[in-house]
Amino acid sequence: MRKIIKGIVITNVFIIVSVLFPLIPSTHWTAFADTGDGDLALTIVYDNNPYDRTLETRWGFSCYVKGAEKTVLFDVGGEGSVLMGNMAKLGIDPRTVDAVVLSHVHYDHVGGLPHFLNAHPSVTVYMPRSLPQSLKDTVRQAGARLVEVHEPMEICKDVYSTGELGDFIKEESLVIRTSRGLIIITGCAHPGVVNIMEKAKDRFKSDIYLVLGGFHLCWMDLSQVKKTIRGVKKTGSKKVGPCHCSGDLARDQFKKAYGDDFILIGVGKTIRIEDAF
């Protein structure tokens, strides 16, 4: 039986349950649609918002980033069987992933890791240094390479981690430098989505083209949501794609504020950016 992390985690204590899932035979995988040279594709493979109705929705987030020098899986959702099942339906072979980047400690962003490592144990995993030792041990015991992230760092050409941001819940976000500006992908944005955007903009001295992912607004009232939207617009971000923990209220308000530049995000959605690099 294999150990998998269960439960939302905000301390160094993990509740462990044992579940056995057979590996999906390699012949099951079909080729995921290739990106053209210089193009970028962002595919949501795990989210609690629907888009492709053939896929399963669960609370959590994962985004498959293809087209840069390395293929990145940002976060791995909570349930490994759902992550792997959605990837299979989308024709995404987990062995195409060069790097897994984990945003923060919560189960709905890291729980799918054991299943993923089962399928691809030679991957490199980037995680905040503050994450529990038990999760680091999971990576090493699978045979994967572990990179502990504290300060901002380059993952590959044009793809970066913001480094650990925040206090109580430390979180890293993904930044992709493109010809159109920065693309920022957040897990839950516990440090504040506007704060993350401002730090990325300041560090890379570039405008923001798109911010997407969890904005941590589903518990906010209308005035708080509108304040956040004003902050996001002040950063100059051209497009937004709130999902996961952003909440319906925030998504509706962002849609009103951004119009055609609002991107409806859900599991199975692919955003393609031509000539990104």
Foldseek 3Di string as FASTA:
>chain_A
DDWFFDDWDLDLDTDIDDDDDDDDDPVLAAAADDDPALKKKKAKAEAQFDDPVVADYDQFTWIWIDRPPFTEIEFQAQDQVRSVVSCSVNRHQLQSHQEYEFWWATRRRHRNPLSSLVRPLAHEYEYAQPHHPVSVVSNVVSVYHYDHFAPKDDPDVQKIWNHWDDDSITTIWIWGQFPQWIEIEHGACPNAPLVSLVSVCVVVVIQAAEYEYHGQQQPPDPVVLVVSLVSVVVSVHLAYEYGRNNHPSSLVVNCVVRPVRYDDDDHGDMDMDPNGD
